[in-house]
Amino acid sequence: MIAQTQLQGFLRRHVVAAFVAGIGLLLVFSMVRGTLNGGPTPAPVAQPGSQAVYERIAADTDCTVLQGEFDQAYADHQTAPKGSNGATWTLAYMEAANARMKALGCP
């Protein structure tokens, strides 16, 4: 009887240990799989220039207005000295407006 009780306890502990190990392996696999598939979304990189401009572009759904944002940024970019903050900002505004227009399917 004592041997049978010890055997049952032994089996119970090993079943619990196997279950815990299985859960751990599942968690590790899901983390690795997530990392291989791009992983968690990285923290946003600070955008150069005015956050208000990016917010305005992101909120707009009118293709004509967005084209106007792009055109204004382009005109400003043409007058900004190369390598200046203004040149960096206006290029980023153009990229943001262009990306928004693509996302909306603008012609």
PDB file of N, CA and C in Angstrom:
ATOM      1  N   MET A   1       0.802  -1.182   0.000  1.00  0.00           N
ATOM      2  CA  MET A   1       0.000   0.000   0.000  1.00  0.00           C
ATOM      3  C   MET A   1       0.856   1.262   0.000  1.00  0.00           C
ATOM      4  N   ILE A   2       1.857   1.291   0.824  1.00  0.00           N
ATOM      5  CA  ILE A   2       2.712   2.469   0.902  1.00  0.00           C
ATOM      6  C   ILE A   2       3.411   2.685  -0.426  1.00  0.00           C
ATOM      7  N   ALA A   3       3.842   1.627  -1.068  1.00  0.00           N
ATOM      8  CA  ALA A   3       4.526   1.740  -2.348  1.00  0.00           C
ATOM      9  C   ALA A   3       3.580   2.317  -3.397  1.00  0.00           C
ATOM     10  N   GLN A   4       2.309   1.903  -3.376  1.00  0.00           N
ATOM     11  CA  GLN A   4       1.342   2.405  -4.344  1.00  0.00           C
ATOM     12  C   GLN A   4       1.062   3.892  -4.108  1.00  0.00           C
ATOM     13  N   THR A   5       0.954   4.313  -2.868  1.00  0.00           N
ATOM     14  CA  THR A   5       0.719   5.717  -2.531  1.00  0.00           C
ATOM     15  C   THR A   5       1.917   6.564  -2.953  1.00  0.00           C
ATOM     16  N   GLN A   6       3.118   6.055  -2.718  1.00  0.00           N
ATOM     17  CA  GLN A   6       4.323   6.773  -3.131  1.00  0.00           C
ATOM     18  C   GLN A   6       4.390   6.877  -4.647  1.00  0.00           C
ATOM     19  N   LEU A   7       3.993   5.824  -5.327  1.00  0.00           N
ATOM     20  CA  LEU A   7       3.995   5.830  -6.786  1.00  0.00           C
ATOM     21  C   LEU A   7       2.991   6.858  -7.318  1.00  0.00           C
ATOM     22  N   GLN A   8       1.808   6.920  -6.716  1.00  0.00           N
ATOM     23  CA  GLN A   8       0.804   7.885  -7.144  1.00  0.00           C
ATOM     24  C   GLN A   8       1.301   9.326  -6.919  1.00  0.00           C
ATOM     25  N   GLY A   9       1.910   9.574  -5.774  1.00  0.00           N
ATOM     26  CA  GLY A   9       2.466  10.901  -5.491  1.00  0.00           C
ATOM     27  C   GLY A   9       3.569  11.264  -6.468  1.00  0.00           C
ATOM     28  N   PHE A  10       4.425  10.280  -6.759  1.00  0.00           N
ATOM     29  CA  PHE A  10       5.516  10.468  -7.703  1.00  0.00           C
ATOM     30  C   PHE A  10       4.950  10.827  -9.085  1.00  0.00           C
ATOM     31  N   LEU A  11       3.947  10.088  -9.540  1.00  0.00           N
ATOM     32  CA  LEU A  11       3.343  10.328 -10.839  1.00  0.00           C
ATOM     33  C   LEU A  11       2.646  11.692 -10.882  1.00  0.00           C
ATOM     34  N   ARG A  12       1.941  12.014  -9.808  1.00  0.00           N
ATOM     35  CA  ARG A  12       1.231  13.284  -9.743  1.00  0.00           C
ATOM     36  C   ARG A  12       2.215  14.449  -9.854  1.00  0.00           C
ATOM     37  N   ARG A  13       3.325  14.375  -9.127  1.00  0.00           N
ATOM     38  CA  ARG A  13       4.333  15.449  -9.193  1.00  0.00           C
ATOM     39  C   ARG A  13       4.905  15.572 -10.596  1.00  0.00           C
ATOM     40  N   HIS A  14       5.157  14.445 -11.232  1.00  0.00           N
ATOM     41  CA  HIS A  14       5.743  14.482 -12.566  1.00  0.00           C
ATOM     42  C   HIS A  14       4.740  14.974 -13.619  1.00  0.00           C
ATOM     43  N   VAL A  15       3.491  14.644 -13.444  1.00  0.00           N
ATOM     44  CA  VAL A  15       2.470  15.157 -14.368  1.00  0.00           C
ATOM     45  C   VAL A  15       2.372  16.675 -14.230  1.00  0.00           C
ATOM     46  N   VAL A  16       2.364  17.166 -13.009  1.00  0.00           N
ATOM     47  CA  VAL A  16       2.311  18.611 -12.776  1.00  0.00           C
ATOM     48  C   VAL A  16       3.560  19.275 -13.348  1.00  0.00           C
ATOM     49  N   ALA A  17       4.712  18.687 -13.129  1.00  0.00           N
ATOM     50  CA  ALA A  17       5.967  19.247 -13.647  1.00  0.00           C
ATOM     51  C   ALA A  17       5.953  19.261 -15.176  1.00  0.00           C
ATOM     52  N   ALA A  18       5.454  18.203 -15.782  1.00  0.00           N
ATOM     53  CA  ALA A  18       5.380  18.141 -17.245  1.00  0.00           C
ATOM     54  C   ALA A  18       4.413  19.202 -17.770  1.00  0.00           C
ATOM     55  N   PHE A  19       3.305  19.408 -17.088  1.00  0.00           N
ATOM     56  CA  PHE A  19       2.335  20.416 -17.486  1.00  0.00           C
ATOM     57  C   PHE A  19       2.951  21.817 -17.419  1.00  0.00           C
ATOM     58  N   VAL A  20       3.621  22.106 -16.328  1.00  0.00           N
ATOM     59  CA  VAL A  20       4.265  23.417 -16.159  1.00  0.00           C
ATOM     60  C   VAL A  20       5.345  23.614 -17.221  1.00  0.00           C
ATOM     61  N   ALA A  21       6.133  22.567 -17.486  1.00  0.00           N
ATOM     62  CA  ALA A  21       7.168  22.661 -18.515  1.00  0.00           C
ATOM     63  C   ALA A  21       6.544  22.889 -19.887  1.00  0.00           C
ATOM     64  N   GLY A  22       5.427  22.228 -20.163  1.00  0.00           N
ATOM     65  CA  GLY A  22       4.735  22.401 -21.442  1.00  0.00           C
ATOM     66  C   GLY A  22       4.249  23.830 -21.623  1.00  0.00           C
ATOM     67  N   ILE A  23       3.688  24.396 -20.564  1.00  0.00           N
ATOM     68  CA  ILE A  23       3.233  25.790 -20.625  1.00  0.00           C
ATOM     69  C   ILE A  23       4.424  26.714 -20.872  1.00  0.00           C
ATOM     70  N   GLY A  24       5.515  26.452 -20.178  1.00  0.00           N
ATOM     71  CA  GLY A  24       6.724  27.265 -20.372  1.00  0.00           C
ATOM     72  C   GLY A  24       7.232  27.190 -21.800  1.00  0.00           C
ATOM     73  N   LEU A  25       7.269  25.987 -22.370  1.00  0.00           N
ATOM     74  CA  LEU A  25       7.715  25.838 -23.755  1.00  0.00           C
ATOM     75  C   LEU A  25       6.780  26.558 -24.721  1.00  0.00           C
ATOM     76  N   LEU A  26       5.488  26.488 -24.434  1.00  0.00           N
ATOM     77  CA  LEU A  26       4.516  27.184 -25.271  1.00  0.00           C
ATOM     78  C   LEU A  26       4.751  28.696 -25.236  1.00  0.00           C
ATOM     79  N   LEU A  27       5.012  29.229 -24.064  1.00  0.00           N
ATOM     80  CA  LEU A  27       5.288  30.664 -23.941  1.00  0.00           C
ATOM     81  C   LEU A  27       6.562  31.059 -24.681  1.00  0.00           C
ATOM     82  N   VAL A  28       7.605  30.260 -24.516  1.00  0.00           N
ATOM     83  CA  VAL A  28       8.873  30.543 -25.198  1.00  0.00           C
ATOM     84  C   VAL A  28       8.671  30.478 -26.711  1.00  0.00           C
ATOM     85  N   PHE A  29       7.967  29.463 -27.181  1.00  0.00           N
ATOM     86  CA  PHE A  29       7.721  29.328 -28.614  1.00  0.00           C
ATOM     87  C   PHE A  29       6.942  30.526 -29.144  1.00  0.00           C
ATOM     88  N   SER A  30       5.926  30.956 -28.418  1.00  0.00           N
ATOM     89  CA  SER A  30       5.131  32.088 -28.902  1.00  0.00           C
ATOM     90  C   SER A  30       5.956  33.370 -28.923  1.00  0.00           C
ATOM     91  N   MET A  31       6.850  33.548 -27.950  1.00  0.00           N
ATOM     92  CA  MET A  31       7.706  34.738 -27.955  1.00  0.00           C
ATOM     93  C   MET A  31       8.676  34.702 -29.125  1.00  0.00           C
ATOM     94  N   VAL A  32       9.278  33.547 -29.374  1.00  0.00           N
ATOM     95  CA  VAL A  32      10.223  33.418 -30.483  1.00  0.00           C
ATOM     96  C   VAL A  32       9.489  33.612 -31.798  1.00  0.00           C
ATOM     97  N   ARG A  33       8.323  33.004 -31.916  1.00  0.00           N
ATOM     98  CA  ARG A  33       7.551  33.133 -33.143  1.00  0.00           C
ATOM     99  C   ARG A  33       7.174  34.591 -33.375  1.00  0.00           C
ATOM    100  N   GLY A  34       6.765  35.289 -32.330  1.00  0.00           N
ATOM    101  CA  GLY A  34       6.432  36.706 -32.468  1.00  0.00           C
ATOM    102  C   GLY A  34       7.627  37.520 -32.905  1.00  0.00           C
ATOM    103  N   THR A  35       8.796  37.217 -32.362  1.00  0.00           N
ATOM    104  CA  THR A  35      10.007  37.925 -32.738  1.00  0.00           C
ATOM    105  C   THR A  35      10.364  37.649 -34.189  1.00  0.00           C
ATOM    106  N   LEU A  36      10.209  36.403 -34.628  1.00  0.00           N
ATOM    107  CA  LEU A  36      10.523  36.062 -36.001  1.00  0.00           C
ATOM    108  C   LEU A  36       9.534  36.688 -36.978  1.00  0.00           C
ATOM    109  N   ASN A  37       8.323  36.942 -36.527  1.00  0.00           N
ATOM    110  CA  ASN A  37       7.308  37.543 -37.387  1.00  0.00           C
ATOM    111  C   ASN A  37       7.231  39.052 -37.217  1.00  0.00           C
ATOM    112  N   GLY A  38       8.269  39.664 -36.778  1.00  0.00           N
ATOM    113  CA  GLY A  38       8.290  41.113 -36.641  1.00  0.00           C
ATOM    114  C   GLY A  38       8.280  41.567 -35.200  1.00  0.00           C
ATOM    115  N   GLY A  39       7.856  40.702 -34.304  1.00  0.00           N
ATOM    116  CA  GLY A  39       7.889  41.015 -32.880  1.00  0.00           C
ATOM    117  C   GLY A  39       6.967  42.162 -32.514  1.00  0.00           C
ATOM    118  N   PRO A  40       7.135  42.656 -31.336  1.00  0.00           N
ATOM    119  CA  PRO A  40       6.279  43.746 -30.875  1.00  0.00           C
ATOM    120  C   PRO A  40       6.554  45.019 -31.665  1.00  0.00           C
ATOM    121  N   THR A  41       5.564  45.870 -31.712  1.00  0.00           N
ATOM    122  CA  THR A  41       5.716  47.130 -32.421  1.00  0.00           C
ATOM    123  C   THR A  41       6.752  47.989 -31.702  1.00  0.00           C
ATOM    124  N   PRO A  42       7.752  48.456 -32.450  1.00  0.00           N
ATOM    125  CA  PRO A  42       8.769  49.295 -31.799  1.00  0.00           C
ATOM    126  C   PRO A  42       8.172  50.629 -31.363  1.00  0.00           C
ATOM    127  N   ALA A  43       8.815  51.235 -30.408  1.00  0.00           N
ATOM    128  CA  ALA A  43       8.387  52.552 -29.946  1.00  0.00           C
ATOM    129  C   ALA A  43       8.505  53.534 -31.102  1.00  0.00           C
ATOM    130  N   PRO A  44       7.556  54.451 -31.234  1.00  0.00           N
ATOM    131  CA  PRO A  44       7.621  55.391 -32.348  1.00  0.00           C
ATOM    132  C   PRO A  44       8.863  56.275 -32.262  1.00  0.00           C
ATOM    133  N   VAL A  45       9.415  56.538 -33.410  1.00  0.00           N
ATOM    134  CA  VAL A  45      10.578  57.411 -33.503  1.00  0.00           C
ATOM    135  C   VAL A  45      10.059  58.834 -33.545  1.00  0.00           C
ATOM    136  N   ALA A  46      10.721  59.714 -32.828  1.00  0.00           N
ATOM    137  CA  ALA A  46      10.307  61.118 -32.821  1.00  0.00           C
ATOM    138  C   ALA A  46      10.356  61.662 -34.244  1.00  0.00           C
ATOM    139  N   GLN A  47       9.275  62.310 -34.657  1.00  0.00           N
ATOM    140  CA  GLN A  47       9.203  62.859 -35.999  1.00  0.00           C
ATOM    141  C   GLN A  47       9.751  64.283 -35.984  1.00  0.00           C
ATOM    142  N   PRO A  48      10.530  64.622 -36.997  1.00  0.00           N
ATOM    143  CA  PRO A  48      11.088  65.976 -37.028  1.00  0.00           C
ATOM    144  C   PRO A  48      10.014  67.008 -37.349  1.00  0.00           C
ATOM    145  N   GLY A  49      10.146  68.173 -36.781  1.00  0.00           N
ATOM    146  CA  GLY A  49       9.203  69.247 -37.066  1.00  0.00           C
ATOM    147  C   GLY A  49       8.068  69.311 -36.068  1.00  0.00           C
ATOM    148  N   SER A  50       6.924  69.763 -36.554  1.00  0.00           N
ATOM    149  CA  SER A  50       5.760  70.000 -35.709  1.00  0.00           C
ATOM    150  C   SER A  50       4.846  68.781 -35.656  1.00  0.00           C
ATOM    151  N   GLN A  51       4.573  68.314 -34.447  1.00  0.00           N
ATOM    152  CA  GLN A  51       3.660  67.187 -34.273  1.00  0.00           C
ATOM    153  C   GLN A  51       2.263  67.552 -34.763  1.00  0.00           C
ATOM    154  N   ALA A  52       1.897  68.824 -34.663  1.00  0.00           N
ATOM    155  CA  ALA A  52       0.580  69.276 -35.116  1.00  0.00           C
ATOM    156  C   ALA A  52       0.395  69.044 -36.617  1.00  0.00           C
ATOM    157  N   VAL A  53       1.461  69.215 -37.392  1.00  0.00           N
ATOM    158  CA  VAL A  53       1.379  68.981 -38.839  1.00  0.00           C
ATOM    159  C   VAL A  53       1.086  67.505 -39.095  1.00  0.00           C
ATOM    160  N   TYR A  54       1.800  66.610 -38.399  1.00  0.00           N
ATOM    161  CA  TYR A  54       1.570  65.176 -38.578  1.00  0.00           C
ATOM    162  C   TYR A  54       0.153  64.789 -38.165  1.00  0.00           C
ATOM    163  N   GLU A  55      -0.331  65.375 -37.076  1.00  0.00           N
ATOM    164  CA  GLU A  55      -1.687  65.087 -36.616  1.00  0.00           C
ATOM    165  C   GLU A  55      -2.719  65.569 -37.629  1.00  0.00           C
ATOM    166  N   ARG A  56      -2.488  66.742 -38.210  1.00  0.00           N
ATOM    167  CA  ARG A  56      -3.404  67.279 -39.216  1.00  0.00           C
ATOM    168  C   ARG A  56      -3.428  66.374 -40.452  1.00  0.00           C
ATOM    169  N   ILE A  57      -2.250  65.934 -40.886  1.00  0.00           N
ATOM    170  CA  ILE A  57      -2.164  65.051 -42.049  1.00  0.00           C
ATOM    171  C   ILE A  57      -2.846  63.715 -41.752  1.00  0.00           C
ATOM    172  N   ALA A  58      -2.592  63.162 -40.579  1.00  0.00           N
ATOM    173  CA  ALA A  58      -3.165  61.863 -40.219  1.00  0.00           C
ATOM    174  C   ALA A  58      -4.679  61.912 -40.113  1.00  0.00           C
ATOM    175  N   ALA A  59      -5.225  63.063 -39.708  1.00  0.00           N
ATOM    176  CA  ALA A  59      -6.667  63.181 -39.519  1.00  0.00           C
ATOM    177  C   ALA A  59      -7.395  63.499 -40.824  1.00  0.00           C
ATOM    178  N   ASP A  60      -6.693  63.996 -41.814  1.00  0.00           N
ATOM    179  CA  ASP A  60      -7.348  64.437 -43.042  1.00  0.00           C
ATOM    180  C   ASP A  60      -7.723  63.260 -43.935  1.00  0.00           C
ATOM    181  N   THR A  61      -8.884  63.371 -44.561  1.00  0.00           N
ATOM    182  CA  THR A  61      -9.358  62.323 -45.474  1.00  0.00           C
ATOM    183  C   THR A  61      -9.640  62.883 -46.864  1.00  0.00           C
ATOM    184  N   ASP A  62      -9.346  64.150 -47.083  1.00  0.00           N
ATOM    185  CA  ASP A  62      -9.591  64.803 -48.365  1.00  0.00           C
ATOM    186  C   ASP A  62      -8.296  64.781 -49.182  1.00  0.00           C
ATOM    187  N   CYS A  63      -8.354  64.087 -50.314  1.00  0.00           N
ATOM    188  CA  CYS A  63      -7.147  63.928 -51.137  1.00  0.00           C
ATOM    189  C   CYS A  63      -6.622  65.269 -51.654  1.00  0.00           C
ATOM    190  N   THR A  64      -7.524  66.199 -51.970  1.00  0.00           N
ATOM    191  CA  THR A  64      -7.113  67.511 -52.472  1.00  0.00           C
ATOM    192  C   THR A  64      -6.369  68.297 -51.395  1.00  0.00           C
ATOM    193  N   VAL A  65      -6.884  68.249 -50.172  1.00  0.00           N
ATOM    194  CA  VAL A  65      -6.231  68.941 -49.058  1.00  0.00           C
ATOM    195  C   VAL A  65      -4.863  68.309 -48.779  1.00  0.00           C
ATOM    196  N   LEU A  66      -4.813  66.990 -48.813  1.00  0.00           N
ATOM    197  CA  LEU A  66      -3.535  66.305 -48.578  1.00  0.00           C
ATOM    198  C   LEU A  66      -2.523  66.629 -49.674  1.00  0.00           C
ATOM    199  N   GLN A  67      -2.986  66.725 -50.914  1.00  0.00           N
ATOM    200  CA  GLN A  67      -2.081  67.123 -52.002  1.00  0.00           C
ATOM    201  C   GLN A  67      -1.573  68.537 -51.757  1.00  0.00           C
ATOM    202  N   GLY A  68      -2.436  69.404 -51.218  1.00  0.00           N
ATOM    203  CA  GLY A  68      -2.020  70.759 -50.862  1.00  0.00           C
ATOM    204  C   GLY A  68      -0.952  70.750 -49.771  1.00  0.00           C
ATOM    205  N   GLU A  69      -1.114  69.862 -48.778  1.00  0.00           N
ATOM    206  CA  GLU A  69      -0.090  69.714 -47.720  1.00  0.00           C
ATOM    207  C   GLU A  69       1.234  69.293 -48.343  1.00  0.00           C
ATOM    208  N   PHE A  70       1.177  68.325 -49.253  1.00  0.00           N
ATOM    209  CA  PHE A  70       2.391  67.853 -49.919  1.00  0.00           C
ATOM    210  C   PHE A  70       3.026  68.982 -50.721  1.00  0.00           C
ATOM    211  N   ASP A  71       2.206  69.684 -51.515  1.00  0.00           N
ATOM    212  CA  ASP A  71       2.722  70.765 -52.368  1.00  0.00           C
ATOM    213  C   ASP A  71       3.358  71.878 -51.548  1.00  0.00           C
ATOM    214  N   GLN A  72       2.736  72.236 -50.420  1.00  0.00           N
ATOM    215  CA  GLN A  72       3.300  73.284 -49.561  1.00  0.00           C
ATOM    216  C   GLN A  72       4.636  72.827 -48.970  1.00  0.00           C
ATOM    217  N   ALA A  73       4.690  71.585 -48.512  1.00  0.00           N
ATOM    218  CA  ALA A  73       5.943  71.058 -47.963  1.00  0.00           C
ATOM    219  C   ALA A  73       7.026  71.017 -49.044  1.00  0.00           C
ATOM    220  N   TYR A  74       6.632  70.658 -50.262  1.00  0.00           N
ATOM    221  CA  TYR A  74       7.590  70.626 -51.376  1.00  0.00           C
ATOM    222  C   TYR A  74       8.145  72.020 -51.670  1.00  0.00           C
ATOM    223  N   ALA A  75       7.237  73.004 -51.722  1.00  0.00           N
ATOM    224  CA  ALA A  75       7.674  74.388 -51.988  1.00  0.00           C
ATOM    225  C   ALA A  75       8.622  74.866 -50.885  1.00  0.00           C
ATOM    226  N   ASP A  76       8.272  74.568 -49.643  1.00  0.00           N
ATOM    227  CA  ASP A  76       9.135  74.958 -48.523  1.00  0.00           C
ATOM    228  C   ASP A  76      10.475  74.226 -48.581  1.00  0.00           C
ATOM    229  N   HIS A  77      10.424  72.975 -49.012  1.00  0.00           N
ATOM    230  CA  HIS A  77      11.657  72.176 -49.100  1.00  0.00           C
ATOM    231  C   HIS A  77      12.612  72.765 -50.142  1.00  0.00           C
ATOM    232  N   GLN A  78      12.050  73.282 -51.213  1.00  0.00           N
ATOM    233  CA  GLN A  78      12.881  73.850 -52.279  1.00  0.00           C
ATOM    234  C   GLN A  78      13.661  75.078 -51.816  1.00  0.00           C
ATOM    235  N   THR A  79      13.119  75.809 -50.839  1.00  0.00           N
ATOM    236  CA  THR A  79      13.790  77.029 -50.367  1.00  0.00           C
ATOM    237  C   THR A  79      14.640  76.787 -49.119  1.00  0.00           C
ATOM    238  N   ALA A  80      14.504  75.632 -48.501  1.00  0.00           N
ATOM    239  CA  ALA A  80      15.269  75.342 -47.277  1.00  0.00           C
ATOM    240  C   ALA A  80      16.710  74.984 -47.643  1.00  0.00           C
ATOM    241  N   PRO A  81      17.670  75.496 -46.892  1.00  0.00           N
ATOM    242  CA  PRO A  81      19.070  75.128 -47.146  1.00  0.00           C
ATOM    243  C   PRO A  81      19.276  73.617 -46.957  1.00  0.00           C
ATOM    244  N   LYS A  82      20.040  73.020 -47.838  1.00  0.00           N
ATOM    245  CA  LYS A  82      20.316  71.590 -47.738  1.00  0.00           C
ATOM    246  C   LYS A  82      20.923  71.256 -46.377  1.00  0.00           C
ATOM    247  N   GLY A  83      20.426  70.194 -45.786  1.00  0.00           N
ATOM    248  CA  GLY A  83      20.932  69.735 -44.498  1.00  0.00           C
ATOM    249  C   GLY A  83      20.378  70.472 -43.299  1.00  0.00           C
ATOM    250  N   SER A  84      19.533  71.458 -43.537  1.00  0.00           N
ATOM    251  CA  SER A  84      18.981  72.223 -42.424  1.00  0.00           C
ATOM    252  C   SER A  84      17.805  71.474 -41.787  1.00  0.00           C
ATOM    253  N   ASN A  85      17.406  71.962 -40.608  1.00  0.00           N
ATOM    254  CA  ASN A  85      16.219  71.393 -39.966  1.00  0.00           C
ATOM    255  C   ASN A  85      14.997  71.548 -40.862  1.00  0.00           C
ATOM    256  N   GLY A  86      14.887  72.698 -41.506  1.00  0.00           N
ATOM    257  CA  GLY A  86      13.759  72.937 -42.400  1.00  0.00           C
ATOM    258  C   GLY A  86      13.694  71.929 -43.530  1.00  0.00           C
ATOM    259  N   ALA A  87      14.835  71.596 -44.093  1.00  0.00           N
ATOM    260  CA  ALA A  87      14.874  70.601 -45.172  1.00  0.00           C
ATOM    261  C   ALA A  87      14.457  69.229 -44.648  1.00  0.00           C
ATOM    262  N   THR A  88      14.906  68.899 -43.449  1.00  0.00           N
ATOM    263  CA  THR A  88      14.543  67.609 -42.841  1.00  0.00           C
ATOM    264  C   THR A  88      13.054  67.561 -42.541  1.00  0.00           C
ATOM    265  N   TRP A  89      12.528  68.622 -41.974  1.00  0.00           N
ATOM    266  CA  TRP A  89      11.113  68.663 -41.597  1.00  0.00           C
ATOM    267  C   TRP A  89      10.214  68.590 -42.819  1.00  0.00           C
ATOM    268  N   THR A  90      10.506  69.422 -43.819  1.00  0.00           N
ATOM    269  CA  THR A  90       9.628  69.460 -44.980  1.00  0.00           C
ATOM    270  C   THR A  90       9.638  68.144 -45.741  1.00  0.00           C
ATOM    271  N   LEU A  91      10.782  67.488 -45.796  1.00  0.00           N
ATOM    272  CA  LEU A  91      10.848  66.165 -46.428  1.00  0.00           C
ATOM    273  C   LEU A  91       9.974  65.172 -45.661  1.00  0.00           C
ATOM    274  N   ALA A  92      10.033  65.229 -44.345  1.00  0.00           N
ATOM    275  CA  ALA A  92       9.216  64.336 -43.518  1.00  0.00           C
ATOM    276  C   ALA A  92       7.727  64.634 -43.700  1.00  0.00           C
ATOM    277  N   TYR A  93       7.366  65.908 -43.842  1.00  0.00           N
ATOM    278  CA  TYR A  93       5.963  66.269 -44.081  1.00  0.00           C
ATOM    279  C   TYR A  93       5.491  65.720 -45.432  1.00  0.00           C
ATOM    280  N   MET A  94       6.355  65.838 -46.445  1.00  0.00           N
ATOM    281  CA  MET A  94       6.002  65.291 -47.760  1.00  0.00           C
ATOM    282  C   MET A  94       5.782  63.785 -47.676  1.00  0.00           C
ATOM    283  N   GLU A  95       6.675  63.103 -46.970  1.00  0.00           N
ATOM    284  CA  GLU A  95       6.545  61.648 -46.819  1.00  0.00           C
ATOM    285  C   GLU A  95       5.260  61.287 -46.074  1.00  0.00           C
ATOM    286  N   ALA A  96       4.923  62.052 -45.045  1.00  0.00           N
ATOM    287  CA  ALA A  96       3.703  61.785 -44.276  1.00  0.00           C
ATOM    288  C   ALA A  96       2.461  62.005 -45.139  1.00  0.00           C
ATOM    289  N   ALA A  97       2.434  63.100 -45.889  1.00  0.00           N
ATOM    290  CA  ALA A  97       1.286  63.386 -46.748  1.00  0.00           C
ATOM    291  C   ALA A  97       1.159  62.329 -47.843  1.00  0.00           C
ATOM    292  N   ASN A  98       2.273  61.944 -48.423  1.00  0.00           N
ATOM    293  CA  ASN A  98       2.257  60.922 -49.470  1.00  0.00           C
ATOM    294  C   ASN A  98       1.771  59.578 -48.922  1.00  0.00           C
ATOM    295  N   ALA A  99       2.253  59.201 -47.757  1.00  0.00           N
ATOM    296  CA  ALA A  99       1.823  57.938 -47.144  1.00  0.00           C
ATOM    297  C   ALA A  99       0.326  57.963 -46.834  1.00  0.00           C
ATOM    298  N   ARG A 100      -0.175  59.099 -46.360  1.00  0.00           N
ATOM    299  CA  ARG A 100      -1.606  59.214 -46.047  1.00  0.00           C
ATOM    300  C   ARG A 100      -2.438  59.128 -47.320  1.00  0.00           C
ATOM    301  N   MET A 101      -1.982  59.783 -48.377  1.00  0.00           N
ATOM    302  CA  MET A 101      -2.713  59.721 -49.648  1.00  0.00           C
ATOM    303  C   MET A 101      -2.746  58.283 -50.188  1.00  0.00           C
ATOM    304  N   LYS A 102      -1.638  57.578 -50.063  1.00  0.00           N
ATOM    305  CA  LYS A 102      -1.605  56.170 -50.493  1.00  0.00           C
ATOM    306  C   LYS A 102      -2.561  55.333 -49.665  1.00  0.00           C
ATOM    307  N   ALA A 103      -2.563  55.556 -48.347  1.00  0.00           N
ATOM    308  CA  ALA A 103      -3.436  54.789 -47.456  1.00  0.00           C
ATOM    309  C   ALA A 103      -4.906  55.016 -47.796  1.00  0.00           C
ATOM    310  N   LEU A 104      -5.244  56.229 -48.245  1.00  0.00           N
ATOM    311  CA  LEU A 104      -6.622  56.549 -48.600  1.00  0.00           C
ATOM    312  C   LEU A 104      -6.971  56.140 -50.027  1.00  0.00           C
ATOM    313  N   GLY A 105      -5.951  55.773 -50.807  1.00  0.00           N
ATOM    314  CA  GLY A 105      -6.186  55.401 -52.204  1.00  0.00           C
ATOM    315  C   GLY A 105      -6.395  56.597 -53.113  1.00  0.00           C
ATOM    316  N   CYS A 106      -5.792  57.713 -52.740  1.00  0.00           N
ATOM    317  CA  CYS A 106      -5.917  58.917 -53.556  1.00  0.00           C
ATOM    318  C   CYS A 106      -5.242  58.692 -54.908  1.00  0.00           C
ATOM    319  N   PRO A 107      -5.803  59.317 -55.966  1.00  0.00           N
ATOM    320  CA  PRO A 107      -5.199  59.160 -57.307  1.00  0.00           C
ATOM    321  C   PRO A 107      -3.874  59.884 -57.417  1.00  0.00           C
TER     322      PRO A 107
END
